[in-house]
Amino acid sequence: MKHQKLKQNITIKDFTPVISWEEIERVLGKRRYNRFCKWMEGQTSTYGGVYIDDLDRFLKGLAVID
């Protein structure tokens, strides 16, 4: 039986962009970072940080959607 190689063109769209918690705290400052953490309660996040879409929603003053 012959194995067929599948050709995959991987692009940046194949990955989920994440911003580290440390970077968010550095940029937002302590007070706004604490508000963001409260806003994130119950949201899905990763070990490494926060999904860009969630941070974007927070910065725009939009509601949580998870």
PDB file of N, CA and C in Angstrom:
ATOM      1  N   MET A   1       0.843  -1.179   0.000  1.00  0.00           N
ATOM      2  CA  MET A   1       0.000   0.000   0.000  1.00  0.00           C
ATOM      3  C   MET A   1       0.888   1.243   0.000  1.00  0.00           C
ATOM      4  N   LYS A   2       0.631   2.118  -0.908  1.00  0.00           N
ATOM      5  CA  LYS A   2       1.398   3.345  -1.047  1.00  0.00           C
ATOM      6  C   LYS A   2       0.807   4.442  -0.173  1.00  0.00           C
ATOM      7  N   HIS A   3       1.687   5.176   0.529  1.00  0.00           N
ATOM      8  CA  HIS A   3       1.231   6.321   1.320  1.00  0.00           C
ATOM      9  C   HIS A   3       1.241   7.549   0.437  1.00  0.00           C
ATOM     10  N   GLN A   4       0.166   8.263   0.506  1.00  0.00           N
ATOM     11  CA  GLN A   4       0.051   9.484  -0.267  1.00  0.00           C
ATOM     12  C   GLN A   4       0.350  10.677   0.624  1.00  0.00           C
ATOM     13  N   LYS A   5       1.170  11.564   0.159  1.00  0.00           N
ATOM     14  CA  LYS A   5       1.425  12.796   0.896  1.00  0.00           C
ATOM     15  C   LYS A   5       0.345  13.809   0.551  1.00  0.00           C
ATOM     16  N   LEU A   6      -0.210  14.387   1.578  1.00  0.00           N
ATOM     17  CA  LEU A   6      -1.197  15.434   1.366  1.00  0.00           C
ATOM     18  C   LEU A   6      -0.500  16.778   1.369  1.00  0.00           C
ATOM     19  N   LYS A   7      -0.804  17.581   0.410  1.00  0.00           N
ATOM     20  CA  LYS A   7      -0.217  18.912   0.346  1.00  0.00           C
ATOM     21  C   LYS A   7      -1.113  19.864   1.126  1.00  0.00           C
ATOM     22  N   GLN A   8      -0.513  20.504   2.110  1.00  0.00           N
ATOM     23  CA  GLN A   8      -1.248  21.500   2.882  1.00  0.00           C
ATOM     24  C   GLN A   8      -0.526  22.830   2.792  1.00  0.00           C
ATOM     25  N   ASN A   9      -1.269  23.817   2.489  1.00  0.00           N
ATOM     26  CA  ASN A   9      -0.733  25.175   2.513  1.00  0.00           C
ATOM     27  C   ASN A   9      -1.190  25.822   3.809  1.00  0.00           C
ATOM     28  N   ILE A  10      -0.280  25.941   4.746  1.00  0.00           N
ATOM     29  CA  ILE A  10      -0.608  26.507   6.042  1.00  0.00           C
ATOM     30  C   ILE A  10      -0.398  28.019   5.984  1.00  0.00           C
ATOM     31  N   THR A  11      -1.381  28.733   6.513  1.00  0.00           N
ATOM     32  CA  THR A  11      -1.287  30.192   6.568  1.00  0.00           C
ATOM     33  C   THR A  11      -1.504  30.635   8.005  1.00  0.00           C
ATOM     34  N   ILE A  12      -1.295  31.894   8.257  1.00  0.00           N
ATOM     35  CA  ILE A  12      -1.492  32.442   9.593  1.00  0.00           C
ATOM     36  C   ILE A  12      -2.930  32.258  10.063  1.00  0.00           C
ATOM     37  N   LYS A  13      -3.866  32.154   9.145  1.00  0.00           N
ATOM     38  CA  LYS A  13      -5.278  31.963   9.493  1.00  0.00           C
ATOM     39  C   LYS A  13      -5.522  30.605  10.140  1.00  0.00           C
ATOM     40  N   ASP A  14      -4.566  29.683  10.019  1.00  0.00           N
ATOM     41  CA  ASP A  14      -4.697  28.362  10.627  1.00  0.00           C
ATOM     42  C   ASP A  14      -4.382  28.376  12.121  1.00  0.00           C
ATOM     43  N   PHE A  15      -3.930  29.492  12.643  1.00  0.00           N
ATOM     44  CA  PHE A  15      -3.540  29.595  14.038  1.00  0.00           C
ATOM     45  C   PHE A  15      -4.422  30.607  14.760  1.00  0.00           C
ATOM     46  N   THR A  16      -4.590  30.389  16.063  1.00  0.00           N
ATOM     47  CA  THR A  16      -5.368  31.305  16.870  1.00  0.00           C
ATOM     48  C   THR A  16      -4.426  32.280  17.553  1.00  0.00           C
ATOM     49  N   PRO A  17      -4.514  33.545  17.222  1.00  0.00           N
ATOM     50  CA  PRO A  17      -3.623  34.526  17.845  1.00  0.00           C
ATOM     51  C   PRO A  17      -3.967  34.721  19.329  1.00  0.00           C
ATOM     52  N   VAL A  18      -2.935  34.717  20.141  1.00  0.00           N
ATOM     53  CA  VAL A  18      -3.087  34.871  21.586  1.00  0.00           C
ATOM     54  C   VAL A  18      -2.122  35.953  22.066  1.00  0.00           C
ATOM     55  N   ILE A  19      -2.580  36.756  23.019  1.00  0.00           N
ATOM     56  CA  ILE A  19      -1.735  37.763  23.652  1.00  0.00           C
ATOM     57  C   ILE A  19      -1.513  37.325  25.091  1.00  0.00           C
ATOM     58  N   SER A  20      -0.262  37.373  25.536  1.00  0.00           N
ATOM     59  CA  SER A  20       0.043  36.905  26.894  1.00  0.00           C
ATOM     60  C   SER A  20      -0.585  37.824  27.942  1.00  0.00           C
ATOM     61  N   TRP A  21      -0.888  37.230  29.109  1.00  0.00           N
ATOM     62  CA  TRP A  21      -1.433  37.996  30.228  1.00  0.00           C
ATOM     63  C   TRP A  21      -0.466  39.103  30.638  1.00  0.00           C
ATOM     64  N   GLU A  22       0.815  38.793  30.615  1.00  0.00           N
ATOM     65  CA  GLU A  22       1.828  39.777  31.018  1.00  0.00           C
ATOM     66  C   GLU A  22       1.833  40.988  30.093  1.00  0.00           C
ATOM     67  N   GLU A  23       1.725  40.724  28.796  1.00  0.00           N
ATOM     68  CA  GLU A  23       1.704  41.814  27.815  1.00  0.00           C
ATOM     69  C   GLU A  23       0.453  42.671  27.983  1.00  0.00           C
ATOM     70  N   ILE A  24      -0.673  42.035  28.228  1.00  0.00           N
ATOM     71  CA  ILE A  24      -1.920  42.780  28.423  1.00  0.00           C
ATOM     72  C   ILE A  24      -1.806  43.674  29.657  1.00  0.00           C
ATOM     73  N   GLU A  25      -1.279  43.122  30.751  1.00  0.00           N
ATOM     74  CA  GLU A  25      -1.124  43.926  31.968  1.00  0.00           C
ATOM     75  C   GLU A  25      -0.182  45.103  31.737  1.00  0.00           C
ATOM     76  N   ARG A  26       0.901  44.862  31.028  1.00  0.00           N
ATOM     77  CA  ARG A  26       1.875  45.915  30.751  1.00  0.00           C
ATOM     78  C   ARG A  26       1.240  47.055  29.960  1.00  0.00           C
ATOM     79  N   VAL A  27       0.430  46.715  28.982  1.00  0.00           N
ATOM     80  CA  VAL A  27      -0.164  47.723  28.094  1.00  0.00           C
ATOM     81  C   VAL A  27      -1.365  48.417  28.751  1.00  0.00           C
ATOM     82  N   LEU A  28      -2.209  47.655  29.446  1.00  0.00           N
ATOM     83  CA  LEU A  28      -3.419  48.242  30.019  1.00  0.00           C
ATOM     84  C   LEU A  28      -3.159  48.998  31.317  1.00  0.00           C
ATOM     85  N   GLY A  29      -2.133  48.612  32.050  1.00  0.00           N
ATOM     86  CA  GLY A  29      -1.927  49.176  33.379  1.00  0.00           C
ATOM     87  C   GLY A  29      -2.714  48.373  34.397  1.00  0.00           C
ATOM     88  N   LYS A  30      -2.346  48.499  35.650  1.00  0.00           N
ATOM     89  CA  LYS A  30      -2.899  47.654  36.709  1.00  0.00           C
ATOM     90  C   LYS A  30      -4.415  47.788  36.867  1.00  0.00           C
ATOM     91  N   ARG A  31      -4.911  49.002  36.936  1.00  0.00           N
ATOM     92  CA  ARG A  31      -6.351  49.217  37.182  1.00  0.00           C
ATOM     93  C   ARG A  31      -7.210  48.670  36.041  1.00  0.00           C
ATOM     94  N   ARG A  32      -6.851  49.018  34.805  1.00  0.00           N
ATOM     95  CA  ARG A  32      -7.638  48.542  33.651  1.00  0.00           C
ATOM     96  C   ARG A  32      -7.458  47.039  33.458  1.00  0.00           C
ATOM     97  N   TYR A  33      -6.262  46.528  33.759  1.00  0.00           N
ATOM     98  CA  TYR A  33      -6.009  45.087  33.680  1.00  0.00           C
ATOM     99  C   TYR A  33      -6.925  44.342  34.647  1.00  0.00           C
ATOM    100  N   ASN A  34      -7.094  44.868  35.862  1.00  0.00           N
ATOM    101  CA  ASN A  34      -7.992  44.233  36.833  1.00  0.00           C
ATOM    102  C   ASN A  34      -9.430  44.216  36.330  1.00  0.00           C
ATOM    103  N   ARG A  35      -9.876  45.308  35.688  1.00  0.00           N
ATOM    104  CA  ARG A  35     -11.228  45.333  35.093  1.00  0.00           C
ATOM    105  C   ARG A  35     -11.344  44.297  33.981  1.00  0.00           C
ATOM    106  N   PHE A  36     -10.278  44.191  33.188  1.00  0.00           N
ATOM    107  CA  PHE A  36     -10.274  43.199  32.105  1.00  0.00           C
ATOM    108  C   PHE A  36     -10.365  41.783  32.668  1.00  0.00           C
ATOM    109  N   CYS A  37      -9.615  41.493  33.728  1.00  0.00           N
ATOM    110  CA  CYS A  37      -9.657  40.155  34.342  1.00  0.00           C
ATOM    111  C   CYS A  37     -11.059  39.835  34.845  1.00  0.00           C
ATOM    112  N   LYS A  38     -11.724  40.808  35.444  1.00  0.00           N
ATOM    113  CA  LYS A  38     -13.101  40.603  35.907  1.00  0.00           C
ATOM    114  C   LYS A  38     -14.015  40.338  34.712  1.00  0.00           C
ATOM    115  N   TRP A  39     -13.837  41.093  33.636  1.00  0.00           N
ATOM    116  CA  TRP A  39     -14.624  40.914  32.421  1.00  0.00           C
ATOM    117  C   TRP A  39     -14.399  39.513  31.837  1.00  0.00           C
ATOM    118  N   MET A  40     -13.183  39.004  31.967  1.00  0.00           N
ATOM    119  CA  MET A  40     -12.815  37.701  31.414  1.00  0.00           C
ATOM    120  C   MET A  40     -13.324  36.515  32.234  1.00  0.00           C
ATOM    121  N   GLU A  41     -13.841  36.738  33.445  1.00  0.00           N
ATOM    122  CA  GLU A  41     -14.337  35.638  34.272  1.00  0.00           C
ATOM    123  C   GLU A  41     -15.372  34.838  33.495  1.00  0.00           C
ATOM    124  N   GLY A  42     -15.127  33.540  33.372  1.00  0.00           N
ATOM    125  CA  GLY A  42     -16.030  32.659  32.634  1.00  0.00           C
ATOM    126  C   GLY A  42     -15.706  32.556  31.156  1.00  0.00           C
ATOM    127  N   GLN A  43     -14.829  33.418  30.658  1.00  0.00           N
ATOM    128  CA  GLN A  43     -14.423  33.374  29.261  1.00  0.00           C
ATOM    129  C   GLN A  43     -13.399  32.264  29.054  1.00  0.00           C
ATOM    130  N   THR A  44     -13.296  31.804  27.852  1.00  0.00           N
ATOM    131  CA  THR A  44     -12.282  30.821  27.485  1.00  0.00           C
ATOM    132  C   THR A  44     -10.967  31.538  27.242  1.00  0.00           C
ATOM    133  N   SER A  45      -9.911  31.032  27.865  1.00  0.00           N
ATOM    134  CA  SER A  45      -8.577  31.566  27.604  1.00  0.00           C
ATOM    135  C   SER A  45      -7.616  30.389  27.507  1.00  0.00           C
ATOM    136  N   THR A  46      -6.396  30.661  27.160  1.00  0.00           N
ATOM    137  CA  THR A  46      -5.404  29.601  27.027  1.00  0.00           C
ATOM    138  C   THR A  46      -4.380  29.730  28.142  1.00  0.00           C
ATOM    139  N   TYR A  47      -3.573  28.719  28.275  1.00  0.00           N
ATOM    140  CA  TYR A  47      -2.502  28.750  29.258  1.00  0.00           C
ATOM    141  C   TYR A  47      -1.589  29.944  29.003  1.00  0.00           C
ATOM    142  N   GLY A  48      -1.368  30.252  27.733  1.00  0.00           N
ATOM    143  CA  GLY A  48      -0.437  31.309  27.368  1.00  0.00           C
ATOM    144  C   GLY A  48      -0.999  32.707  27.364  1.00  0.00           C
ATOM    145  N   GLY A  49      -2.314  32.841  27.412  1.00  0.00           N
ATOM    146  CA  GLY A  49      -2.860  34.188  27.374  1.00  0.00           C
ATOM    147  C   GLY A  49      -4.312  34.247  26.966  1.00  0.00           C
ATOM    148  N   VAL A  50      -4.640  35.297  26.251  1.00  0.00           N
ATOM    149  CA  VAL A  50      -6.017  35.633  25.908  1.00  0.00           C
ATOM    150  C   VAL A  50      -6.151  35.721  24.395  1.00  0.00           C
ATOM    151  N   TYR A  51      -7.279  35.249  23.902  1.00  0.00           N
ATOM    152  CA  TYR A  51      -7.540  35.354  22.472  1.00  0.00           C
ATOM    153  C   TYR A  51      -7.736  36.819  22.089  1.00  0.00           C
ATOM    154  N   ILE A  52      -7.171  37.196  20.981  1.00  0.00           N
ATOM    155  CA  ILE A  52      -7.216  38.581  20.520  1.00  0.00           C
ATOM    156  C   ILE A  52      -8.651  39.093  20.393  1.00  0.00           C
ATOM    157  N   ASP A  53      -9.551  38.251  19.917  1.00  0.00           N
ATOM    158  CA  ASP A  53     -10.944  38.682  19.750  1.00  0.00           C
ATOM    159  C   ASP A  53     -11.574  39.097  21.075  1.00  0.00           C
ATOM    160  N   ASP A  54     -11.231  38.390  22.166  1.00  0.00           N
ATOM    161  CA  ASP A  54     -11.775  38.761  23.474  1.00  0.00           C
ATOM    162  C   ASP A  54     -11.234  40.109  23.929  1.00  0.00           C
ATOM    163  N   LEU A  55      -9.939  40.321  23.781  1.00  0.00           N
ATOM    164  CA  LEU A  55      -9.360  41.605  24.161  1.00  0.00           C
ATOM    165  C   LEU A  55      -9.970  42.729  23.324  1.00  0.00           C
ATOM    166  N   ASP A  56     -10.167  42.487  22.051  1.00  0.00           N
ATOM    167  CA  ASP A  56     -10.770  43.481  21.163  1.00  0.00           C
ATOM    168  C   ASP A  56     -12.171  43.845  21.634  1.00  0.00           C
ATOM    169  N   ARG A  57     -12.967  42.840  22.010  1.00  0.00           N
ATOM    170  CA  ARG A  57     -14.329  43.096  22.492  1.00  0.00           C
ATOM    171  C   ARG A  57     -14.304  43.938  23.770  1.00  0.00           C
ATOM    172  N   PHE A  58     -13.387  43.610  24.679  1.00  0.00           N
ATOM    173  CA  PHE A  58     -13.256  44.382  25.920  1.00  0.00           C
ATOM    174  C   PHE A  58     -12.918  45.840  25.619  1.00  0.00           C
ATOM    175  N   LEU A  59     -11.937  46.040  24.753  1.00  0.00           N
ATOM    176  CA  LEU A  59     -11.509  47.404  24.431  1.00  0.00           C
ATOM    177  C   LEU A  59     -12.592  48.219  23.754  1.00  0.00           C
ATOM    178  N   LYS A  60     -13.483  47.546  23.033  1.00  0.00           N
ATOM    179  CA  LYS A  60     -14.591  48.230  22.366  1.00  0.00           C
ATOM    180  C   LYS A  60     -15.799  48.406  23.281  1.00  0.00           C
ATOM    181  N   GLY A  61     -15.708  47.861  24.515  1.00  0.00           N
ATOM    182  CA  GLY A  61     -16.823  47.985  25.456  1.00  0.00           C
ATOM    183  C   GLY A  61     -17.985  47.068  25.158  1.00  0.00           C
ATOM    184  N   LEU A  62     -17.723  46.000  24.429  1.00  0.00           N
ATOM    185  CA  LEU A  62     -18.782  45.063  24.068  1.00  0.00           C
ATOM    186  C   LEU A  62     -18.980  44.006  25.149  1.00  0.00           C
ATOM    187  N   ALA A  63     -20.094  43.333  25.114  1.00  0.00           N
ATOM    188  CA  ALA A  63     -20.430  42.309  26.102  1.00  0.00           C
ATOM    189  C   ALA A  63     -19.664  41.017  25.853  1.00  0.00           C
ATOM    190  N   VAL A  64     -19.596  40.211  26.893  1.00  0.00           N
ATOM    191  CA  VAL A  64     -19.001  38.883  26.810  1.00  0.00           C
ATOM    192  C   VAL A  64     -19.916  38.008  25.953  1.00  0.00           C
ATOM    193  N   ILE A  65     -19.336  37.157  25.093  1.00  0.00           N
ATOM    194  CA  ILE A  65     -20.162  36.302  24.241  1.00  0.00           C
ATOM    195  C   ILE A  65     -19.980  34.807  24.473  1.00  0.00           C
ATOM    196  N   ASP A  66     -19.083  34.409  25.371  1.00  0.00           N
ATOM    197  CA  ASP A  66     -18.892  32.983  25.656  1.00  0.00           C
ATOM    198  C   ASP A  66     -19.999  32.446  26.496  1.00  0.00           C
TER     199      ASP A  66
END
